[in-house]
């Protein structure tokens, strides 16, 4: 039985869809959570705003599974790389000041694959 090249491509595309992990959210949604925090994280405000802390809480609630937490962590790292003027102390203090511990640090150096299962 001959299989047409288009049929093979269709099967390969289907296989990719099946094995590609899906997430309940996108990196844009993760970045949107932290956008209200930029004025604090860049030192323009002395404390995070209520809107910023709401975003931190939304971010925490996004990552339910280990894979989702790793995905969110990588999204945060990617977003942070675009803002070289982030203040390290503000970044590390953000979860504490918002009374919302995150399952990963907001850091360019953190290896998101180390988030425990």
N, C-alpha and C. Protein backbone atom coordinates (compact mmCIF):
# COMPACT_ATOMS: atom_id res chain seq x y z
N UNK A 1 0.84 -1.17 0.00
CA UNK A 1 0.00 0.00 0.00
C UNK A 1 0.89 1.23 0.00
N UNK A 2 0.65 2.12 -0.94
CA UNK A 2 1.43 3.35 -1.02
C UNK A 2 0.75 4.44 -0.20
N UNK A 3 1.58 5.20 0.49
CA UNK A 3 1.07 6.34 1.25
C UNK A 3 1.58 7.60 0.56
N UNK A 4 0.70 8.47 0.23
CA UNK A 4 1.07 9.72 -0.44
C UNK A 4 1.92 10.57 0.49
N UNK A 5 2.87 11.34 -0.09
CA UNK A 5 3.69 12.23 0.75
C UNK A 5 2.85 13.17 1.60
N UNK A 6 1.74 13.63 1.09
CA UNK A 6 0.88 14.52 1.89
C UNK A 6 0.32 13.77 3.10
N UNK A 7 0.04 12.50 2.92
CA UNK A 7 -0.46 11.69 4.04
C UNK A 7 0.59 11.52 5.12
N UNK A 8 1.83 11.34 4.71
CA UNK A 8 2.92 11.21 5.67
C UNK A 8 3.09 12.51 6.44
N UNK A 9 3.06 13.62 5.72
CA UNK A 9 3.18 14.92 6.38
C UNK A 9 2.05 15.15 7.37
N UNK A 10 0.86 14.74 7.00
CA UNK A 10 -0.29 14.89 7.90
C UNK A 10 -0.09 14.06 9.17
N UNK A 11 0.41 12.83 9.02
CA UNK A 11 0.67 11.99 10.18
C UNK A 11 1.75 12.59 11.07
N UNK A 12 2.80 13.13 10.47
CA UNK A 12 3.86 13.76 11.26
C UNK A 12 3.34 14.99 11.99
N UNK A 13 2.54 15.78 11.33
CA UNK A 13 1.97 16.96 11.97
C UNK A 13 1.08 16.55 13.14
N UNK A 14 0.30 15.51 12.96
CA UNK A 14 -0.56 15.02 14.03
C UNK A 14 0.29 14.53 15.21
N UNK A 15 1.37 13.83 14.92
CA UNK A 15 2.25 13.34 15.98
C UNK A 15 2.84 14.49 16.77
N UNK A 16 3.21 15.57 16.09
CA UNK A 16 3.76 16.73 16.79
C UNK A 16 2.72 17.36 17.70
N UNK A 17 1.50 17.42 17.25
CA UNK A 17 0.44 18.00 18.07
C UNK A 17 0.19 17.14 19.30
N UNK A 18 0.25 15.84 19.13
CA UNK A 18 -0.02 14.93 20.24
C UNK A 18 1.07 15.00 21.30
N UNK A 19 2.34 15.08 20.90
CA UNK A 19 3.41 15.05 21.88
C UNK A 19 3.81 16.43 22.39
N UNK A 20 3.40 17.49 21.71
CA UNK A 20 3.74 18.84 22.17
C UNK A 20 2.93 19.16 23.42
N UNK A 21 3.61 19.43 24.55
CA UNK A 21 2.86 19.75 25.76
C UNK A 21 2.11 21.07 25.60
N UNK A 22 0.92 21.09 26.16
CA UNK A 22 0.14 22.32 26.10
C UNK A 22 0.11 22.94 27.48
N UNK A 23 -0.09 24.23 27.49
CA UNK A 23 -0.15 24.97 28.73
C UNK A 23 -1.47 25.72 28.76
N UNK A 24 -1.96 25.95 29.94
CA UNK A 24 -3.23 26.64 30.09
C UNK A 24 -3.08 28.14 29.90
N UNK A 25 -1.87 28.60 29.61
CA UNK A 25 -1.61 30.03 29.46
C UNK A 25 -0.44 30.23 28.51
N UNK A 26 -0.25 31.47 28.10
CA UNK A 26 0.83 31.81 27.18
C UNK A 26 1.85 32.71 27.88
N UNK A 27 3.00 32.88 27.24
CA UNK A 27 4.00 33.79 27.80
C UNK A 27 3.46 35.22 27.83
N UNK A 28 2.65 35.58 26.87
CA UNK A 28 2.08 36.93 26.87
C UNK A 28 1.22 37.13 28.11
N UNK A 29 0.47 36.11 28.51
CA UNK A 29 -0.33 36.21 29.73
C UNK A 29 0.55 36.34 30.96
N UNK A 30 1.66 35.62 30.99
CA UNK A 30 2.60 35.73 32.11
C UNK A 30 3.18 37.14 32.17
N UNK A 31 3.61 37.65 31.03
CA UNK A 31 4.18 38.99 30.98
C UNK A 31 3.15 40.04 31.38
N UNK A 32 1.91 39.84 30.98
CA UNK A 32 0.84 40.78 31.34
C UNK A 32 0.65 40.84 32.85
N UNK A 33 0.83 39.72 33.52
CA UNK A 33 0.72 39.71 34.99
C UNK A 33 1.74 40.64 35.63
N UNK A 34 2.94 40.67 35.07
CA UNK A 34 4.03 41.43 35.69
C UNK A 34 4.20 42.84 35.14
N UNK A 35 3.51 43.18 34.07
CA UNK A 35 3.63 44.52 33.49
C UNK A 35 3.35 45.63 34.51
N UNK A 36 2.32 45.50 35.37
CA UNK A 36 2.08 46.57 36.35
C UNK A 36 3.22 46.73 37.37
N UNK A 37 4.14 45.78 37.40
CA UNK A 37 5.25 45.83 38.35
C UNK A 37 6.48 46.56 37.82
N UNK A 38 6.48 46.90 36.55
CA UNK A 38 7.70 47.47 35.95
C UNK A 38 8.15 48.76 36.61
N UNK A 39 7.21 49.61 37.02
CA UNK A 39 7.64 50.87 37.65
C UNK A 39 8.35 50.59 38.98
N UNK A 40 7.91 49.58 39.70
CA UNK A 40 8.60 49.20 40.94
C UNK A 40 9.92 48.50 40.63
N UNK A 41 9.89 47.55 39.71
CA UNK A 41 11.08 46.75 39.41
C UNK A 41 12.22 47.56 38.79
N UNK A 42 11.89 48.69 38.19
CA UNK A 42 12.92 49.55 37.61
C UNK A 42 13.29 50.71 38.51
N UNK A 43 12.74 50.74 39.72
CA UNK A 43 13.11 51.76 40.69
C UNK A 43 12.36 53.08 40.55
N UNK A 44 11.33 53.12 39.73
CA UNK A 44 10.56 54.35 39.56
C UNK A 44 9.54 54.56 40.68
N UNK A 45 9.20 53.50 41.38
CA UNK A 45 8.30 53.58 42.54
C UNK A 45 8.95 52.84 43.70
N UNK A 46 8.71 53.30 44.93
CA UNK A 46 9.37 52.68 46.08
C UNK A 46 8.74 51.35 46.51
N UNK A 47 7.54 51.06 46.04
CA UNK A 47 6.86 49.83 46.46
C UNK A 47 5.96 49.35 45.32
N UNK A 48 5.67 48.04 45.29
CA UNK A 48 4.77 47.54 44.26
C UNK A 48 3.34 48.07 44.48
N UNK A 49 2.64 48.31 43.40
CA UNK A 49 1.26 48.79 43.47
C UNK A 49 0.32 47.61 43.75
N UNK A 50 -0.91 47.88 44.18
CA UNK A 50 -1.88 46.79 44.34
C UNK A 50 -2.08 46.01 43.03
N UNK A 51 -2.07 46.71 41.89
CA UNK A 51 -2.21 46.03 40.60
C UNK A 51 -1.05 45.09 40.32
N UNK A 52 0.14 45.50 40.73
CA UNK A 52 1.32 44.65 40.58
C UNK A 52 1.15 43.38 41.41
N UNK A 53 0.77 43.54 42.66
CA UNK A 53 0.61 42.37 43.54
C UNK A 53 -0.52 41.45 43.06
N UNK A 54 -1.56 42.03 42.49
CA UNK A 54 -2.61 41.20 41.89
C UNK A 54 -2.02 40.35 40.77
N UNK A 55 -1.15 40.95 39.97
CA UNK A 55 -0.50 40.22 38.89
C UNK A 55 0.41 39.11 39.40
N UNK A 56 1.12 39.37 40.49
CA UNK A 56 1.99 38.34 41.08
C UNK A 56 1.13 37.18 41.57
N UNK A 57 -0.01 37.47 42.18
CA UNK A 57 -0.92 36.40 42.62
C UNK A 57 -1.47 35.61 41.43
N UNK A 58 -1.82 36.30 40.36
CA UNK A 58 -2.30 35.60 39.16
C UNK A 58 -1.19 34.71 38.60
N UNK A 59 0.04 35.22 38.59
CA UNK A 59 1.17 34.43 38.10
C UNK A 59 1.35 33.17 38.95
N UNK A 60 1.28 33.30 40.25
CA UNK A 60 1.43 32.14 41.13
C UNK A 60 0.36 31.10 40.84
N UNK A 61 -0.87 31.55 40.61
CA UNK A 61 -1.97 30.62 40.38
C UNK A 61 -1.95 29.99 38.99
N UNK A 62 -1.16 30.51 38.09
CA UNK A 62 -1.08 29.94 36.74
C UNK A 62 -0.35 28.61 36.73
N UNK A 63 0.72 28.51 37.49
CA UNK A 63 1.56 27.32 37.43
C UNK A 63 1.12 26.26 38.41
N UNK A 64 0.22 25.40 37.98
CA UNK A 64 -0.29 24.34 38.86
C UNK A 64 0.62 23.11 38.79
N UNK A 65 0.94 22.66 37.60
CA UNK A 65 1.78 21.48 37.45
C UNK A 65 3.25 21.89 37.36
N UNK A 66 4.16 20.97 37.60
CA UNK A 66 5.58 21.31 37.45
C UNK A 66 5.90 21.83 36.04
N UNK A 67 5.32 21.23 35.02
CA UNK A 67 5.59 21.69 33.65
C UNK A 67 5.09 23.12 33.45
N UNK A 68 3.95 23.45 34.02
CA UNK A 68 3.42 24.82 33.91
C UNK A 68 4.30 25.80 34.68
N UNK A 69 4.79 25.39 35.84
CA UNK A 69 5.68 26.26 36.61
C UNK A 69 6.98 26.51 35.84
N UNK A 70 7.52 25.46 35.22
CA UNK A 70 8.73 25.62 34.42
C UNK A 70 8.48 26.53 33.23
N UNK A 71 7.33 26.36 32.59
CA UNK A 71 6.98 27.20 31.45
C UNK A 71 6.87 28.66 31.88
N UNK A 72 6.15 28.91 32.98
CA UNK A 72 5.99 30.28 33.49
C UNK A 72 7.35 30.87 33.86
N UNK A 73 8.19 30.08 34.49
CA UNK A 73 9.54 30.52 34.86
C UNK A 73 10.32 30.96 33.63
N UNK A 74 10.28 30.17 32.58
CA UNK A 74 10.99 30.53 31.35
C UNK A 74 10.40 31.78 30.71
N UNK A 75 9.09 31.95 30.79
CA UNK A 75 8.46 33.17 30.26
C UNK A 75 8.95 34.39 31.03
N UNK A 76 9.02 34.28 32.35
CA UNK A 76 9.49 35.39 33.18
C UNK A 76 10.94 35.72 32.84
N UNK A 77 11.78 34.69 32.70
CA UNK A 77 13.18 34.92 32.34
C UNK A 77 13.29 35.63 30.99
N UNK A 78 12.50 35.19 30.05
CA UNK A 78 12.52 35.79 28.71
C UNK A 78 12.11 37.25 28.78
N UNK A 79 11.06 37.54 29.53
CA UNK A 79 10.59 38.92 29.66
C UNK A 79 11.62 39.78 30.38
N UNK A 80 12.21 39.25 31.44
CA UNK A 80 13.19 40.02 32.23
C UNK A 80 14.42 40.37 31.40
N UNK A 81 14.76 39.52 30.46
CA UNK A 81 15.93 39.77 29.62
C UNK A 81 15.76 41.03 28.77
N UNK A 82 14.53 41.46 28.56
CA UNK A 82 14.27 42.66 27.74
C UNK A 82 14.33 43.95 28.56
N UNK A 83 14.54 43.83 29.86
CA UNK A 83 14.59 45.01 30.73
C UNK A 83 15.90 45.00 31.52
N UNK A 84 16.98 45.49 30.93
CA UNK A 84 18.27 45.45 31.61
C UNK A 84 18.35 46.36 32.83
N UNK A 85 17.38 47.27 33.00
CA UNK A 85 17.44 48.20 34.12
C UNK A 85 16.64 47.73 35.34
N UNK A 86 16.31 46.45 35.40
CA UNK A 86 15.62 45.93 36.58
C UNK A 86 16.55 46.00 37.78
N UNK A 87 16.02 46.38 38.91
CA UNK A 87 16.79 46.46 40.16
C UNK A 87 16.74 45.10 40.85
N UNK A 88 17.91 44.51 41.07
CA UNK A 88 17.98 43.17 41.65
C UNK A 88 17.25 43.07 42.99
N UNK A 89 17.41 44.07 43.85
CA UNK A 89 16.75 44.01 45.15
C UNK A 89 15.24 44.09 45.01
N UNK A 90 14.75 44.89 44.08
CA UNK A 90 13.30 44.98 43.86
C UNK A 90 12.76 43.66 43.32
N UNK A 91 13.50 43.05 42.42
CA UNK A 91 13.08 41.77 41.84
C UNK A 91 13.00 40.71 42.93
N UNK A 92 14.03 40.61 43.77
CA UNK A 92 14.04 39.56 44.79
C UNK A 92 13.02 39.84 45.90
N UNK A 93 12.71 41.12 46.16
CA UNK A 93 11.75 41.46 47.22
C UNK A 93 10.29 41.38 46.78
N UNK A 94 10.04 41.36 45.48
CA UNK A 94 8.66 41.45 44.98
C UNK A 94 7.72 40.40 45.57
N UNK A 95 8.04 39.11 45.54
CA UNK A 95 7.10 38.14 46.12
C UNK A 95 6.81 38.39 47.60
N UNK A 96 7.84 38.76 48.36
CA UNK A 96 7.64 39.03 49.79
C UNK A 96 6.77 40.26 50.00
N UNK A 97 7.05 41.33 49.27
CA UNK A 97 6.27 42.55 49.44
C UNK A 97 4.81 42.37 49.01
N UNK A 98 4.57 41.45 48.11
CA UNK A 98 3.20 41.15 47.68
C UNK A 98 2.59 40.01 48.49
N UNK A 99 3.33 39.52 49.49
CA UNK A 99 2.87 38.41 50.33
C UNK A 99 2.42 37.22 49.48
N UNK A 100 3.18 36.96 48.42
CA UNK A 100 2.85 35.88 47.49
C UNK A 100 4.12 35.16 47.08
N UNK A 101 4.52 34.14 47.82
CA UNK A 101 5.72 33.41 47.41
C UNK A 101 5.49 32.69 46.07
N UNK A 102 6.45 32.83 45.19
CA UNK A 102 6.37 32.15 43.90
C UNK A 102 7.13 30.83 43.97
N UNK A 103 6.77 29.87 43.13
CA UNK A 103 7.47 28.58 43.15
C UNK A 103 8.84 28.62 42.47
N UNK A 104 9.25 29.81 42.02
CA UNK A 104 10.55 29.99 41.40
C UNK A 104 10.97 31.44 41.59
N UNK A 105 12.29 31.69 41.63
CA UNK A 105 12.74 33.08 41.75
C UNK A 105 12.63 33.79 40.40
N UNK A 106 12.44 35.09 40.45
CA UNK A 106 12.48 35.89 39.23
C UNK A 106 13.95 36.24 39.02
N UNK A 107 14.60 35.50 38.14
CA UNK A 107 16.04 35.65 37.97
C UNK A 107 16.46 35.15 36.60
N UNK A 108 17.37 35.87 35.97
CA UNK A 108 17.90 35.42 34.69
C UNK A 108 18.80 34.21 34.86
N UNK A 109 19.37 34.04 36.04
CA UNK A 109 20.32 32.95 36.27
C UNK A 109 19.66 31.64 36.69
N UNK A 110 18.42 31.68 37.14
CA UNK A 110 17.78 30.48 37.66
C UNK A 110 17.51 29.49 36.53
N UNK A 111 17.82 28.23 36.77
CA UNK A 111 17.56 27.16 35.81
C UNK A 111 16.15 26.63 36.05
N UNK A 112 15.23 27.01 35.18
CA UNK A 112 13.82 26.65 35.36
C UNK A 112 13.58 25.14 35.35
N UNK A 113 14.49 24.39 34.75
CA UNK A 113 14.32 22.93 34.74
C UNK A 113 14.55 22.33 36.13
N UNK A 114 15.07 23.11 37.06
CA UNK A 114 15.31 22.62 38.43
C UNK A 114 14.07 22.72 39.32
N UNK A 115 12.97 23.26 38.79
CA UNK A 115 11.74 23.32 39.58
C UNK A 115 11.30 21.89 39.84
N UNK A 116 11.11 21.52 41.11
CA UNK A 116 10.81 20.12 41.42
C UNK A 116 9.45 19.67 40.90
N UNK A 117 9.40 18.37 40.63
CA UNK A 117 8.15 17.77 40.15
C UNK A 117 7.17 17.56 41.26
